[in-house]
Amino acid sequence: MPGMDAVKTLGLFIATALAEIIGCYLPYLWLKQGKSASNLDRTPFQSCAGDET
């Protein structure tokens, strides 16, 4: 169905937009709380794996 492609595209667009907004807002909150910026470059996977380098 041609209409389903538009729905999938719109859904992916909305999901991507939300991820980008959250990805920019969370570091802002982190820095606003006065925490170190050096920890912002860590990926969530490193944090979940317990890699404390």
PDB file of N, CA and C in Angstrom:
ATOM      1  N   MET A   1       0.831  -1.187   0.000  1.00  0.00           N
ATOM      2  CA  MET A   1       0.000   0.000   0.000  1.00  0.00           C
ATOM      3  C   MET A   1       0.871   1.244   0.000  1.00  0.00           C
ATOM      4  N   PRO A   2       0.620   2.164  -0.891  1.00  0.00           N
ATOM      5  CA  PRO A   2       1.440   3.376  -0.962  1.00  0.00           C
ATOM      6  C   PRO A   2       1.289   4.273   0.266  1.00  0.00           C
ATOM      7  N   GLY A   3       0.130   4.283   0.892  1.00  0.00           N
ATOM      8  CA  GLY A   3      -0.086   5.136   2.056  1.00  0.00           C
ATOM      9  C   GLY A   3       0.721   4.692   3.269  1.00  0.00           C
ATOM     10  N   MET A   4       1.025   3.400   3.345  1.00  0.00           N
ATOM     11  CA  MET A   4       1.788   2.883   4.487  1.00  0.00           C
ATOM     12  C   MET A   4       3.222   3.393   4.481  1.00  0.00           C
ATOM     13  N   ASP A   5       3.790   3.613   3.292  1.00  0.00           N
ATOM     14  CA  ASP A   5       5.146   4.160   3.220  1.00  0.00           C
ATOM     15  C   ASP A   5       5.184   5.565   3.826  1.00  0.00           C
ATOM     16  N   ALA A   6       4.161   6.347   3.586  1.00  0.00           N
ATOM     17  CA  ALA A   6       4.107   7.697   4.141  1.00  0.00           C
ATOM     18  C   ALA A   6       3.974   7.647   5.661  1.00  0.00           C
ATOM     19  N   VAL A   7       3.199   6.697   6.172  1.00  0.00           N
ATOM     20  CA  VAL A   7       3.025   6.557   7.619  1.00  0.00           C
ATOM     21  C   VAL A   7       4.343   6.130   8.266  1.00  0.00           C
ATOM     22  N   LYS A   8       5.038   5.185   7.641  1.00  0.00           N
ATOM     23  CA  LYS A   8       6.332   4.748   8.174  1.00  0.00           C
ATOM     24  C   LYS A   8       7.335   5.893   8.169  1.00  0.00           C
ATOM     25  N   THR A   9       7.363   6.642   7.075  1.00  0.00           N
ATOM     26  CA  THR A   9       8.283   7.767   6.966  1.00  0.00           C
ATOM     27  C   THR A   9       7.979   8.819   8.015  1.00  0.00           C
ATOM     28  N   LEU A  10       6.717   9.128   8.209  1.00  0.00           N
ATOM     29  CA  LEU A  10       6.330  10.111   9.217  1.00  0.00           C
ATOM     30  C   LEU A  10       6.691   9.620  10.622  1.00  0.00           C
ATOM     31  N   GLY A  11       6.466   8.345  10.891  1.00  0.00           N
ATOM     32  CA  GLY A  11       6.818   7.782  12.194  1.00  0.00           C
ATOM     33  C   GLY A  11       8.313   7.854  12.464  1.00  0.00           C
ATOM     34  N   LEU A  12       9.125   7.523  11.462  1.00  0.00           N
ATOM     35  CA  LEU A  12      10.570   7.613  11.616  1.00  0.00           C
ATOM     36  C   LEU A  12      11.019   9.060  11.787  1.00  0.00           C
ATOM     37  N   PHE A  13      10.385   9.972  11.081  1.00  0.00           N
ATOM     38  CA  PHE A  13      10.719  11.389  11.223  1.00  0.00           C
ATOM     39  C   PHE A  13      10.444  11.871  12.646  1.00  0.00           C
ATOM     40  N   ILE A  14       9.296  11.501  13.181  1.00  0.00           N
ATOM     41  CA  ILE A  14       8.933  11.921  14.540  1.00  0.00           C
ATOM     42  C   ILE A  14       9.884  11.293  15.560  1.00  0.00           C
ATOM     43  N   ALA A  15      10.198  10.012  15.393  1.00  0.00           N
ATOM     44  CA  ALA A  15      11.111   9.344  16.316  1.00  0.00           C
ATOM     45  C   ALA A  15      12.498   9.981  16.277  1.00  0.00           C
ATOM     46  N   THR A  16      12.968  10.304  15.085  1.00  0.00           N
ATOM     47  CA  THR A  16      14.274  10.938  14.940  1.00  0.00           C
ATOM     48  C   THR A  16      14.281  12.333  15.553  1.00  0.00           C
ATOM     49  N   ALA A  17      13.216  13.074  15.343  1.00  0.00           N
ATOM     50  CA  ALA A  17      13.134  14.420  15.915  1.00  0.00           C
ATOM     51  C   ALA A  17      13.138  14.367  17.440  1.00  0.00           C
ATOM     52  N   LEU A  18      12.391  13.440  18.015  1.00  0.00           N
ATOM     53  CA  LEU A  18      12.379  13.306  19.474  1.00  0.00           C
ATOM     54  C   LEU A  18      13.742  12.892  20.010  1.00  0.00           C
ATOM     55  N   ALA A  19      14.402  11.972  19.330  1.00  0.00           N
ATOM     56  CA  ALA A  19      15.727  11.535  19.768  1.00  0.00           C
ATOM     57  C   ALA A  19      16.728  12.686  19.719  1.00  0.00           C
ATOM     58  N   GLU A  20      16.628  13.517  18.701  1.00  0.00           N
ATOM     59  CA  GLU A  20      17.546  14.649  18.592  1.00  0.00           C
ATOM     60  C   GLU A  20      17.273  15.680  19.676  1.00  0.00           C
ATOM     61  N   ILE A  21      16.018  15.955  19.947  1.00  0.00           N
ATOM     62  CA  ILE A  21      15.672  16.916  20.994  1.00  0.00           C
ATOM     63  C   ILE A  21      16.153  16.414  22.350  1.00  0.00           C
ATOM     64  N   ILE A  22      15.892  15.154  22.643  1.00  0.00           N
ATOM     65  CA  ILE A  22      16.319  14.580  23.923  1.00  0.00           C
ATOM     66  C   ILE A  22      17.842  14.556  24.009  1.00  0.00           C
ATOM     67  N   GLY A  23      18.494  14.210  22.912  1.00  0.00           N
ATOM     68  CA  GLY A  23      19.947  14.145  22.887  1.00  0.00           C
ATOM     69  C   GLY A  23      20.624  15.482  23.084  1.00  0.00           C
ATOM     70  N   CYS A  24      19.934  16.563  22.768  1.00  0.00           N
ATOM     71  CA  CYS A  24      20.489  17.898  22.998  1.00  0.00           C
ATOM     72  C   CYS A  24      20.080  18.433  24.362  1.00  0.00           C
ATOM     73  N   TYR A  25      18.916  18.077  24.840  1.00  0.00           N
ATOM     74  CA  TYR A  25      18.410  18.621  26.097  1.00  0.00           C
ATOM     75  C   TYR A  25      19.054  17.974  27.311  1.00  0.00           C
ATOM     76  N   LEU A  26      19.312  16.671  27.266  1.00  0.00           N
ATOM     77  CA  LEU A  26      19.909  16.000  28.423  1.00  0.00           C
ATOM     78  C   LEU A  26      21.315  16.508  28.744  1.00  0.00           C
ATOM     79  N   PRO A  27      22.203  16.704  27.739  1.00  0.00           N
ATOM     80  CA  PRO A  27      23.504  17.302  28.080  1.00  0.00           C
ATOM     81  C   PRO A  27      23.362  18.714  28.652  1.00  0.00           C
ATOM     82  N   TYR A  28      22.382  19.469  28.169  1.00  0.00           N
ATOM     83  CA  TYR A  28      22.131  20.805  28.715  1.00  0.00           C
ATOM     84  C   TYR A  28      21.780  20.711  30.197  1.00  0.00           C
ATOM     85  N   LEU A  29      20.894  19.779  30.549  1.00  0.00           N
ATOM     86  CA  LEU A  29      20.543  19.603  31.957  1.00  0.00           C
ATOM     87  C   LEU A  29      21.755  19.176  32.771  1.00  0.00           C
ATOM     88  N   TRP A  30      22.567  18.288  32.192  1.00  0.00           N
ATOM     89  CA  TRP A  30      23.766  17.801  32.873  1.00  0.00           C
ATOM     90  C   TRP A  30      24.683  18.977  33.218  1.00  0.00           C
ATOM     91  N   LEU A  31      24.936  19.829  32.237  1.00  0.00           N
ATOM     92  CA  LEU A  31      25.824  20.966  32.466  1.00  0.00           C
ATOM     93  C   LEU A  31      25.191  22.005  33.383  1.00  0.00           C
ATOM     94  N   LYS A  32      23.891  22.152  33.306  1.00  0.00           N
ATOM     95  CA  LYS A  32      23.187  23.112  34.150  1.00  0.00           C
ATOM     96  C   LYS A  32      23.306  22.721  35.629  1.00  0.00           C
ATOM     97  N   GLN A  33      23.419  21.423  35.903  1.00  0.00           N
ATOM     98  CA  GLN A  33      23.569  20.950  37.270  1.00  0.00           C
ATOM     99  C   GLN A  33      24.999  21.109  37.772  1.00  0.00           C
ATOM    100  N   GLY A  34      25.885  21.609  36.926  1.00  0.00           N
ATOM    101  CA  GLY A  34      27.253  21.861  37.326  1.00  0.00           C
ATOM    102  C   GLY A  34      28.163  20.654  37.262  1.00  0.00           C
ATOM    103  N   LYS A  35      27.765  19.633  36.532  1.00  0.00           N
ATOM    104  CA  LYS A  35      28.594  18.440  36.421  1.00  0.00           C
ATOM    105  C   LYS A  35      29.632  18.629  35.319  1.00  0.00           C
ATOM    106  N   SER A  36      30.650  17.806  35.337  1.00  0.00           N
ATOM    107  CA  SER A  36      31.766  17.930  34.408  1.00  0.00           C
ATOM    108  C   SER A  36      31.346  17.611  32.974  1.00  0.00           C
ATOM    109  N   ALA A  37      31.845  18.411  32.037  1.00  0.00           N
ATOM    110  CA  ALA A  37      31.554  18.180  30.622  1.00  0.00           C
ATOM    111  C   ALA A  37      32.366  17.022  30.068  1.00  0.00           C
ATOM    112  N   SER A  38      33.407  16.602  30.765  1.00  0.00           N
ATOM    113  CA  SER A  38      34.251  15.526  30.249  1.00  0.00           C
ATOM    114  C   SER A  38      33.513  14.190  30.217  1.00  0.00           C
ATOM    115  N   ASN A  39      32.463  14.038  30.997  1.00  0.00           N
ATOM    116  CA  ASN A  39      31.708  12.796  30.998  1.00  0.00           C
ATOM    117  C   ASN A  39      30.647  12.743  29.912  1.00  0.00           C
ATOM    118  N   LEU A  40      30.419  13.840  29.220  1.00  0.00           N
ATOM    119  CA  LEU A  40      29.358  13.870  28.209  1.00  0.00           C
ATOM    120  C   LEU A  40      29.722  13.100  26.946  1.00  0.00           C
ATOM    121  N   ASP A  41      31.000  12.842  26.716  1.00  0.00           N
ATOM    122  CA  ASP A  41      31.384  12.142  25.492  1.00  0.00           C
ATOM    123  C   ASP A  41      31.253  10.629  25.622  1.00  0.00           C
ATOM    124  N   ARG A  42      30.886  10.139  26.781  1.00  0.00           N
ATOM    125  CA  ARG A  42      30.702   8.697  26.976  1.00  0.00           C
ATOM    126  C   ARG A  42      29.378   8.267  26.360  1.00  0.00           C
ATOM    127  N   THR A  43      29.391   7.140  25.703  1.00  0.00           N
ATOM    128  CA  THR A  43      28.155   6.630  25.108  1.00  0.00           C
ATOM    129  C   THR A  43      27.356   5.884  26.159  1.00  0.00           C
ATOM    130  N   PRO A  44      26.061   5.747  25.959  1.00  0.00           N
ATOM    131  CA  PRO A  44      25.255   4.977  26.901  1.00  0.00           C
ATOM    132  C   PRO A  44      25.722   3.528  27.002  1.00  0.00           C
ATOM    133  N   PHE A  45      26.290   2.998  25.928  1.00  0.00           N
ATOM    134  CA  PHE A  45      26.752   1.613  25.951  1.00  0.00           C
ATOM    135  C   PHE A  45      27.930   1.441  26.898  1.00  0.00           C
ATOM    136  N   GLN A  46      28.802   2.433  26.960  1.00  0.00           N
ATOM    137  CA  GLN A  46      29.910   2.358  27.899  1.00  0.00           C
ATOM    138  C   GLN A  46      29.394   2.411  29.326  1.00  0.00           C
ATOM    139  N   SER A  47      28.418   3.242  29.577  1.00  0.00           N
ATOM    140  CA  SER A  47      27.862   3.354  30.917  1.00  0.00           C
ATOM    141  C   SER A  47      27.162   2.060  31.327  1.00  0.00           C
ATOM    142  N   CYS A  48      26.447   1.457  30.410  1.00  0.00           N
ATOM    143  CA  CYS A  48      25.721   0.223  30.726  1.00  0.00           C
ATOM    144  C   CYS A  48      26.682  -0.947  30.918  1.00  0.00           C
ATOM    145  N   ALA A  49      27.777  -0.934  30.201  1.00  0.00           N
ATOM    146  CA  ALA A  49      28.725  -2.037  30.298  1.00  0.00           C
ATOM    147  C   ALA A  49      29.593  -1.934  31.550  1.00  0.00           C
ATOM    148  N   GLY A  50      29.535  -0.806  32.240  1.00  0.00           N
ATOM    149  CA  GLY A  50      30.317  -0.631  33.450  1.00  0.00           C
ATOM    150  C   GLY A  50      31.763  -0.276  33.162  1.00  0.00           C
ATOM    151  N   ASP A  51      32.036   0.246  31.990  1.00  0.00           N
ATOM    152  CA  ASP A  51      33.397   0.637  31.623  1.00  0.00           C
ATOM    153  C   ASP A  51      33.714   1.972  32.294  1.00  0.00           C
ATOM    154  N   GLU A  52      34.425   1.928  33.364  1.00  0.00           N
ATOM    155  CA  GLU A  52      34.732   3.125  34.138  1.00  0.00           C
ATOM    156  C   GLU A  52      36.136   3.626  33.866  1.00  0.00           C
ATOM    157  N   THR A  53      36.475   3.842  32.590  1.00  0.00           N
ATOM    158  CA  THR A  53      37.809   4.312  32.250  1.00  0.00           C
ATOM    159  C   THR A  53      37.892   5.799  32.323  1.00  0.00           C
TER     160      THR A  53
END
